[in-house]
N, C-alpha and C. Protein backbone atom coordinates (compact mmCIF):
# COMPACT_ATOMS: atom_id res chain seq x y z
N MET A 1 80.69 101.63 90.46
CA MET A 1 81.76 100.67 90.53
C MET A 1 81.48 99.71 91.68
N GLU A 2 81.67 98.44 91.41
CA GLU A 2 81.42 97.42 92.43
C GLU A 2 82.72 96.88 92.99
N PHE A 3 82.79 96.84 94.29
CA PHE A 3 83.95 96.30 94.99
C PHE A 3 83.57 94.95 95.56
N PRO A 4 84.51 94.06 95.80
CA PRO A 4 85.94 94.19 95.59
C PRO A 4 86.32 94.01 94.13
N ILE A 5 87.49 94.58 93.79
CA ILE A 5 88.09 94.45 92.47
C ILE A 5 89.45 93.79 92.66
N GLU A 6 89.68 92.68 91.99
CA GLU A 6 90.98 92.01 92.13
C GLU A 6 92.07 92.92 91.59
N ALA A 7 93.09 93.13 92.41
CA ALA A 7 94.26 93.88 91.96
C ALA A 7 95.27 92.91 91.34
N PHE A 8 95.61 91.86 92.08
CA PHE A 8 96.51 90.84 91.54
C PHE A 8 96.53 89.63 92.47
N CYS A 9 97.02 88.54 91.95
CA CYS A 9 97.34 87.36 92.73
C CYS A 9 98.61 86.78 92.12
N LEU A 10 99.68 86.83 92.86
CA LEU A 10 100.97 86.33 92.41
C LEU A 10 101.23 85.02 93.14
N TYR A 11 101.26 83.93 92.39
CA TYR A 11 101.42 82.61 92.99
C TYR A 11 102.88 82.22 93.09
N GLY A 12 103.15 81.50 94.15
CA GLY A 12 104.45 80.88 94.33
C GLY A 12 104.29 79.38 94.24
N ASN A 13 105.40 78.68 94.32
CA ASN A 13 105.35 77.23 94.32
C ASN A 13 104.76 76.73 95.64
N ASP A 14 104.31 75.49 95.65
CA ASP A 14 103.81 74.83 96.86
C ASP A 14 102.64 75.56 97.51
N GLY A 15 101.78 76.18 96.70
CA GLY A 15 100.58 76.82 97.22
C GLY A 15 100.75 78.20 97.79
N GLY A 16 101.93 78.76 97.71
CA GLY A 16 102.15 80.11 98.22
C GLY A 16 101.52 81.16 97.31
N LYS A 17 101.18 82.32 97.90
CA LYS A 17 100.64 83.40 97.08
C LYS A 17 100.63 84.71 97.86
N ILE A 18 100.59 85.79 97.09
CA ILE A 18 100.32 87.13 97.60
C ILE A 18 99.18 87.64 96.74
N ALA A 19 98.07 88.01 97.38
CA ALA A 19 96.90 88.48 96.64
C ALA A 19 96.38 89.77 97.26
N MET A 20 95.90 90.66 96.39
CA MET A 20 95.34 91.92 96.84
C MET A 20 94.07 92.21 96.05
N ALA A 21 93.03 92.62 96.76
CA ALA A 21 91.77 93.04 96.13
C ALA A 21 91.40 94.40 96.69
N ILE A 22 90.91 95.27 95.83
CA ILE A 22 90.55 96.63 96.24
C ILE A 22 89.12 96.61 96.78
N ASN A 23 88.96 97.08 98.02
CA ASN A 23 87.66 97.14 98.68
C ASN A 23 87.05 98.54 98.65
N GLU A 24 87.91 99.55 98.63
CA GLU A 24 87.46 100.94 98.62
C GLU A 24 88.50 101.79 97.89
N ALA A 25 88.03 102.89 97.36
CA ALA A 25 88.93 103.88 96.75
C ALA A 25 88.49 105.26 97.22
N PRO A 26 88.84 105.63 98.46
CA PRO A 26 88.40 106.92 99.00
C PRO A 26 88.92 108.07 98.14
N GLY A 27 88.06 108.99 97.82
CA GLY A 27 88.46 110.14 97.01
C GLY A 27 88.34 109.92 95.51
N PHE A 28 88.12 108.71 95.09
CA PHE A 28 87.99 108.42 93.65
C PHE A 28 86.66 108.97 93.17
N PRO A 29 86.60 109.65 92.07
CA PRO A 29 87.63 109.94 91.07
C PRO A 29 88.23 111.33 91.21
N TYR A 30 87.90 112.05 92.27
CA TYR A 30 88.25 113.48 92.33
C TYR A 30 89.59 113.79 92.99
N ARG A 31 90.10 112.87 93.82
CA ARG A 31 91.31 113.19 94.57
C ARG A 31 92.37 112.11 94.34
N THR A 32 93.44 112.47 93.66
CA THR A 32 94.56 111.54 93.46
C THR A 32 95.51 111.63 94.65
N CYS A 33 96.48 110.73 94.69
CA CYS A 33 97.39 110.72 95.85
C CYS A 33 98.84 110.91 95.42
N VAL A 34 99.69 111.15 96.38
CA VAL A 34 101.10 111.43 96.13
C VAL A 34 101.82 110.22 95.52
N GLU A 35 101.32 109.02 95.74
CA GLU A 35 101.92 107.80 95.18
C GLU A 35 101.66 107.68 93.68
N GLY A 36 100.76 108.47 93.16
CA GLY A 36 100.29 108.33 91.79
C GLY A 36 99.00 107.55 91.79
N GLY A 37 98.07 107.93 90.95
CA GLY A 37 96.77 107.27 90.93
C GLY A 37 95.95 107.63 92.15
N TYR A 38 95.31 106.62 92.72
CA TYR A 38 94.38 106.85 93.84
C TYR A 38 94.76 106.01 95.04
N ASP A 39 94.43 106.54 96.22
CA ASP A 39 94.51 105.75 97.44
C ASP A 39 93.50 104.62 97.33
N ILE A 40 93.87 103.44 97.83
CA ILE A 40 92.97 102.30 97.83
C ILE A 40 93.08 101.57 99.17
N ILE A 41 91.98 101.01 99.60
CA ILE A 41 91.96 100.17 100.79
C ILE A 41 91.67 98.76 100.31
N CYS A 42 92.55 97.84 100.67
CA CYS A 42 92.52 96.51 100.07
C CYS A 42 92.39 95.42 101.12
N SER A 43 91.99 94.26 100.63
CA SER A 43 92.19 93.05 101.41
C SER A 43 93.48 92.44 100.89
N LEU A 44 94.28 91.94 101.79
CA LEU A 44 95.58 91.39 101.47
C LEU A 44 95.67 89.99 102.03
N THR A 45 96.13 89.06 101.22
CA THR A 45 96.35 87.69 101.67
C THR A 45 97.77 87.29 101.30
N ILE A 46 98.47 86.74 102.27
CA ILE A 46 99.80 86.18 102.04
C ILE A 46 99.78 84.76 102.60
N ASP A 47 100.08 83.80 101.75
CA ASP A 47 100.22 82.41 102.16
C ASP A 47 101.61 81.96 101.77
N VAL A 48 102.37 81.54 102.73
CA VAL A 48 103.71 81.02 102.46
C VAL A 48 104.03 79.99 103.54
N GLY A 49 104.30 78.77 103.08
CA GLY A 49 104.54 77.69 104.03
C GLY A 49 103.36 77.54 104.96
N CYS A 50 103.61 77.49 106.26
CA CYS A 50 102.53 77.35 107.24
C CYS A 50 101.99 78.70 107.71
N TYR A 51 102.47 79.80 107.13
CA TYR A 51 102.06 81.13 107.56
C TYR A 51 100.94 81.66 106.68
N HIS A 52 99.99 82.31 107.32
CA HIS A 52 98.85 82.88 106.60
C HIS A 52 98.57 84.26 107.17
N VAL A 53 98.52 85.26 106.29
CA VAL A 53 98.17 86.63 106.68
C VAL A 53 96.91 87.00 105.93
N GLU A 54 95.99 87.59 106.65
CA GLU A 54 94.78 88.11 106.01
C GLU A 54 94.43 89.44 106.67
N SER A 55 94.44 90.48 105.86
CA SER A 55 94.11 91.82 106.34
C SER A 55 93.01 92.39 105.46
N GLU A 56 92.00 92.95 106.05
CA GLU A 56 90.90 93.55 105.29
C GLU A 56 91.08 95.05 105.10
N ARG A 57 92.09 95.65 105.75
CA ARG A 57 92.28 97.10 105.64
C ARG A 57 93.74 97.44 105.40
N TYR A 58 94.27 96.94 104.32
CA TYR A 58 95.62 97.30 103.93
C TYR A 58 95.53 98.53 103.01
N PHE A 59 96.26 99.58 103.35
CA PHE A 59 96.22 100.83 102.59
C PHE A 59 97.33 100.84 101.55
N SER A 60 96.96 101.10 100.31
CA SER A 60 97.92 101.13 99.21
C SER A 60 97.52 102.23 98.24
N ALA A 61 98.05 102.17 97.03
CA ALA A 61 97.73 103.15 96.00
C ALA A 61 97.87 102.48 94.64
N THR A 62 97.05 102.91 93.70
CA THR A 62 97.15 102.33 92.37
C THR A 62 98.53 102.60 91.76
N GLY A 63 99.12 103.73 92.08
CA GLY A 63 100.46 104.05 91.55
C GLY A 63 101.51 103.03 91.97
N ALA A 64 101.45 102.55 93.21
CA ALA A 64 102.39 101.52 93.67
C ALA A 64 102.20 100.24 92.87
N LEU A 65 100.96 99.90 92.58
CA LEU A 65 100.68 98.71 91.77
C LEU A 65 101.21 98.89 90.35
N TYR A 66 101.03 100.07 89.76
CA TYR A 66 101.49 100.33 88.41
C TYR A 66 103.02 100.23 88.31
N ARG A 67 103.73 100.77 89.31
CA ARG A 67 105.19 100.68 89.31
C ARG A 67 105.64 99.22 89.38
N PHE A 68 105.00 98.44 90.27
CA PHE A 68 105.34 97.03 90.39
C PHE A 68 105.07 96.29 89.08
N SER A 69 103.93 96.55 88.46
CA SER A 69 103.57 95.88 87.22
C SER A 69 104.58 96.17 86.11
N ALA A 70 105.03 97.41 86.01
CA ALA A 70 106.01 97.78 84.98
C ALA A 70 107.32 97.04 85.20
N GLU A 71 107.78 96.96 86.44
CA GLU A 71 109.02 96.26 86.74
C GLU A 71 108.87 94.75 86.51
N LEU A 72 107.73 94.19 86.91
CA LEU A 72 107.49 92.76 86.71
C LEU A 72 107.42 92.43 85.22
N ASN A 73 106.86 93.33 84.43
CA ASN A 73 106.79 93.13 82.99
C ASN A 73 108.20 93.07 82.38
N GLU A 74 109.11 93.91 82.85
CA GLU A 74 110.49 93.86 82.37
C GLU A 74 111.15 92.53 82.74
N CYS A 75 110.91 92.06 83.96
CA CYS A 75 111.44 90.75 84.37
C CYS A 75 110.88 89.64 83.48
N TYR A 76 109.61 89.75 83.17
CA TYR A 76 108.94 88.75 82.34
C TYR A 76 109.54 88.72 80.94
N LYS A 77 109.77 89.89 80.37
CA LYS A 77 110.31 89.97 79.01
C LYS A 77 111.76 89.51 78.92
N LYS A 78 112.57 89.92 79.90
CA LYS A 78 114.01 89.67 79.83
C LYS A 78 114.46 88.43 80.59
N LEU A 79 113.58 87.89 81.44
CA LEU A 79 113.92 86.77 82.33
C LEU A 79 115.13 87.10 83.20
N GLU A 80 115.19 88.37 83.59
CA GLU A 80 116.22 88.82 84.52
C GLU A 80 115.73 90.10 85.19
N GLY A 81 116.33 90.40 86.33
CA GLY A 81 115.99 91.64 87.01
C GLY A 81 115.21 91.42 88.29
N ILE A 82 114.79 92.54 88.86
CA ILE A 82 114.06 92.56 90.12
C ILE A 82 112.87 93.50 89.98
N ALA A 83 111.71 93.05 90.44
CA ALA A 83 110.51 93.90 90.52
C ALA A 83 110.19 94.09 91.99
N GLN A 84 109.95 95.32 92.40
CA GLN A 84 109.64 95.59 93.80
C GLN A 84 108.26 96.19 93.95
N TYR A 85 107.53 95.68 94.95
CA TYR A 85 106.30 96.34 95.36
C TYR A 85 106.65 97.09 96.63
N LYS A 86 106.42 98.39 96.60
CA LYS A 86 106.63 99.19 97.80
C LYS A 86 105.90 100.51 97.63
N MET A 87 105.50 101.05 98.73
CA MET A 87 104.92 102.38 98.76
C MET A 87 106.07 103.38 98.95
N LEU A 88 105.89 104.61 98.51
CA LEU A 88 106.93 105.61 98.65
C LEU A 88 107.13 106.02 100.10
N TRP A 89 106.06 106.06 100.90
CA TRP A 89 106.14 106.61 102.24
C TRP A 89 105.82 105.61 103.35
N GLU A 90 105.27 104.48 103.02
CA GLU A 90 104.89 103.49 104.03
C GLU A 90 105.70 102.21 103.80
N SER A 91 105.90 101.44 104.86
CA SER A 91 106.70 100.23 104.70
C SER A 91 106.06 99.01 105.37
N ASP A 92 104.72 98.99 105.46
CA ASP A 92 104.10 97.84 106.11
C ASP A 92 104.09 96.60 105.22
N LEU A 93 104.15 96.76 103.89
CA LEU A 93 104.32 95.63 102.98
C LEU A 93 105.40 96.00 101.96
N LEU A 94 106.43 95.19 101.93
CA LEU A 94 107.49 95.32 100.93
C LEU A 94 107.78 93.93 100.42
N PHE A 95 107.86 93.78 99.11
CA PHE A 95 108.33 92.52 98.58
C PHE A 95 108.96 92.73 97.22
N SER A 96 109.84 91.80 96.88
CA SER A 96 110.50 91.86 95.59
C SER A 96 110.41 90.49 94.92
N VAL A 97 110.42 90.52 93.62
CA VAL A 97 110.46 89.32 92.80
C VAL A 97 111.79 89.39 92.05
N GLU A 98 112.68 88.46 92.34
CA GLU A 98 114.00 88.47 91.73
C GLU A 98 114.17 87.24 90.85
N MET A 99 114.47 87.49 89.59
CA MET A 99 114.74 86.40 88.65
C MET A 99 116.08 85.77 89.02
N ILE A 100 116.12 84.42 89.08
CA ILE A 100 117.38 83.79 89.46
C ILE A 100 118.01 82.99 88.31
N SER A 101 117.24 82.22 87.58
CA SER A 101 117.80 81.51 86.42
C SER A 101 116.70 80.83 85.63
N ARG A 102 116.84 80.84 84.32
CA ARG A 102 115.95 80.13 83.40
C ARG A 102 114.46 80.26 83.76
N GLY A 103 114.03 81.46 84.07
CA GLY A 103 112.62 81.71 84.34
C GLY A 103 112.19 81.49 85.78
N HIS A 104 113.09 81.03 86.62
CA HIS A 104 112.77 80.84 88.03
C HIS A 104 113.00 82.15 88.78
N ALA A 105 112.21 82.33 89.84
CA ALA A 105 112.30 83.57 90.60
C ALA A 105 112.07 83.30 92.08
N VAL A 106 112.48 84.25 92.89
CA VAL A 106 112.26 84.19 94.33
C VAL A 106 111.52 85.45 94.75
N ILE A 107 110.47 85.27 95.54
CA ILE A 107 109.73 86.39 96.12
C ILE A 107 110.17 86.50 97.57
N LYS A 108 110.66 87.66 97.96
CA LYS A 108 111.09 87.91 99.34
C LYS A 108 110.41 89.17 99.83
N GLY A 109 109.96 89.14 101.08
CA GLY A 109 109.33 90.34 101.59
C GLY A 109 109.10 90.35 103.07
N THR A 110 108.50 91.44 103.52
CA THR A 110 108.10 91.60 104.92
C THR A 110 106.72 92.23 104.97
N TYR A 111 105.98 91.87 105.99
CA TYR A 111 104.67 92.48 106.23
C TYR A 111 104.54 92.77 107.71
N ARG A 112 104.04 93.97 108.01
CA ARG A 112 103.76 94.37 109.39
C ARG A 112 102.33 94.87 109.46
N ASP A 113 101.53 94.18 110.25
CA ASP A 113 100.13 94.55 110.37
C ASP A 113 99.97 95.89 111.08
N ARG A 114 100.74 96.11 112.08
CA ARG A 114 100.70 97.37 112.83
C ARG A 114 102.13 97.89 112.92
N PRO A 115 102.50 98.81 112.03
CA PRO A 115 103.89 99.25 111.96
C PRO A 115 104.46 99.80 113.26
N GLY A 116 103.61 100.23 114.19
CA GLY A 116 104.11 100.74 115.47
C GLY A 116 104.58 99.65 116.41
N LEU A 117 104.29 98.39 116.09
CA LEU A 117 104.71 97.27 116.93
C LEU A 117 105.88 96.53 116.28
N PRO A 118 106.71 95.88 117.09
CA PRO A 118 107.90 95.24 116.52
C PRO A 118 107.67 93.88 115.86
N ASN A 119 106.44 93.44 115.73
CA ASN A 119 106.21 92.13 115.11
C ASN A 119 106.05 92.28 113.60
N ASN A 120 106.70 91.37 112.86
CA ASN A 120 106.55 91.38 111.41
C ASN A 120 106.79 89.97 110.87
N LEU A 121 106.27 89.73 109.69
CA LEU A 121 106.47 88.47 109.01
C LEU A 121 107.47 88.68 107.89
N GLU A 122 108.55 87.95 107.93
CA GLU A 122 109.49 87.92 106.82
C GLU A 122 109.20 86.65 106.06
N PHE A 123 109.06 86.76 104.74
CA PHE A 123 108.69 85.58 103.96
C PHE A 123 109.53 85.47 102.71
N GLU A 124 109.58 84.24 102.21
CA GLU A 124 110.29 83.94 100.98
C GLU A 124 109.62 82.74 100.34
N MET A 125 109.41 82.82 99.03
CA MET A 125 108.86 81.69 98.30
C MET A 125 109.41 81.69 96.89
N GLU A 126 109.47 80.51 96.32
CA GLU A 126 109.92 80.38 94.94
C GLU A 126 108.73 80.46 94.02
N THR A 127 108.98 80.93 92.80
CA THR A 127 107.95 81.02 91.78
C THR A 127 108.65 80.93 90.42
N ASP A 128 107.91 81.15 89.36
CA ASP A 128 108.51 81.23 88.04
C ASP A 128 107.71 82.19 87.18
N GLN A 129 108.29 82.52 86.01
CA GLN A 129 107.70 83.56 85.17
C GLN A 129 106.33 83.19 84.62
N SER A 130 105.93 81.93 84.69
CA SER A 130 104.62 81.56 84.15
C SER A 130 103.47 82.23 84.91
N TRP A 131 103.72 82.68 86.14
CA TRP A 131 102.68 83.36 86.93
C TRP A 131 102.65 84.86 86.68
N PHE A 132 103.67 85.41 86.04
CA PHE A 132 103.79 86.86 85.93
C PHE A 132 102.75 87.50 85.02
N LEU A 133 102.48 86.88 83.88
CA LEU A 133 101.60 87.51 82.90
C LEU A 133 100.21 87.78 83.47
N ALA A 134 99.62 86.83 84.18
CA ALA A 134 98.30 87.04 84.76
C ALA A 134 98.33 88.17 85.79
N THR A 135 99.41 88.27 86.54
CA THR A 135 99.56 89.34 87.53
C THR A 135 99.64 90.69 86.83
N ILE A 136 100.47 90.77 85.80
CA ILE A 136 100.64 92.02 85.04
C ILE A 136 99.31 92.43 84.40
N GLN A 137 98.62 91.50 83.77
CA GLN A 137 97.35 91.81 83.11
C GLN A 137 96.29 92.26 84.11
N SER A 138 96.26 91.64 85.27
CA SER A 138 95.28 92.02 86.29
C SER A 138 95.50 93.46 86.75
N ILE A 139 96.76 93.82 86.99
CA ILE A 139 97.06 95.19 87.42
C ILE A 139 96.78 96.17 86.28
N GLU A 140 97.12 95.81 85.07
CA GLU A 140 96.90 96.71 83.94
C GLU A 140 95.40 96.95 83.68
N LYS A 141 94.54 96.00 84.01
CA LYS A 141 93.09 96.20 83.87
C LYS A 141 92.60 97.32 84.79
N LEU A 142 93.33 97.56 85.87
CA LEU A 142 92.95 98.63 86.79
C LEU A 142 93.01 99.99 86.12
N ARG A 143 93.87 100.14 85.13
CA ARG A 143 93.97 101.41 84.39
C ARG A 143 92.66 101.75 83.69
N ASP A 144 91.92 100.73 83.26
CA ASP A 144 90.62 100.98 82.62
C ASP A 144 89.63 101.61 83.60
N ILE A 145 89.79 101.29 84.87
CA ILE A 145 88.89 101.82 85.90
C ILE A 145 89.42 103.11 86.49
N PHE A 146 90.71 103.10 86.88
CA PHE A 146 91.28 104.20 87.65
C PHE A 146 92.17 105.15 86.83
N GLY A 147 92.38 104.86 85.57
CA GLY A 147 93.31 105.68 84.79
C GLY A 147 94.73 105.35 85.19
N GLY A 148 95.67 106.15 84.74
CA GLY A 148 97.08 105.92 85.04
C GLY A 148 97.52 106.65 86.30
N PHE A 149 98.77 107.10 86.31
CA PHE A 149 99.32 107.80 87.47
C PHE A 149 98.60 109.12 87.73
N GLU A 150 98.04 109.72 86.69
CA GLU A 150 97.32 110.99 86.83
C GLU A 150 95.85 110.79 87.17
N GLY A 151 95.40 109.54 87.27
CA GLY A 151 93.99 109.28 87.54
C GLY A 151 93.16 109.49 86.29
N ILE A 152 91.88 109.73 86.50
CA ILE A 152 90.99 109.95 85.36
C ILE A 152 90.47 111.38 85.32
N LYS A 153 91.17 112.29 85.97
CA LYS A 153 90.68 113.67 86.05
C LYS A 153 90.52 114.31 84.68
N GLN A 154 91.34 113.89 83.69
CA GLN A 154 91.15 114.46 82.36
C GLN A 154 89.78 114.09 81.81
N LEU A 155 89.26 112.93 82.16
CA LEU A 155 87.92 112.54 81.74
C LEU A 155 86.87 113.38 82.45
N ILE A 156 87.10 113.63 83.73
CA ILE A 156 86.15 114.42 84.51
C ILE A 156 86.16 115.85 84.01
N ASN A 157 87.34 116.44 83.79
CA ASN A 157 87.44 117.82 83.34
C ASN A 157 86.80 118.01 81.96
N SER A 158 86.92 117.01 81.09
CA SER A 158 86.37 117.15 79.74
C SER A 158 84.85 117.03 79.75
N SER A 159 84.28 116.48 80.81
CA SER A 159 82.82 116.35 80.85
C SER A 159 82.16 117.53 81.55
N LEU A 160 82.97 118.46 82.08
CA LEU A 160 82.39 119.63 82.78
C LEU A 160 81.96 120.70 81.80
């Protein structure tokens, strides 16, 4: 497997975006994580207004991405609702996509590079549902590589 692998890029209006690419998957394919799927180490980019965040070692899990993708897909289909990206046990990156009217949405979130310190970026940007499908498809392609919430251990076990 060659890294980096794009996880998603969710665009906002006026050049804003949240993008994540997987740089490492420690323990893959033998060790799944409590979040579902596999632990992943990502590069993270957030651009909103004049603010720019770039981290090369953001820790996440494929399960968190799958949960977000499922919720975003519901928002896309119904043009209503809220999709949240969050880890079950960590809170260094939290954001939600909330549908507001006629396909328009607002992305709101916070990012903390070092959770032990009191500095954090709170951000908000507008977007619309036209960006959702590419984001959903990008995350769903990860299932071909990493399997679902249970990982690919059934493939490994069947080859033993």
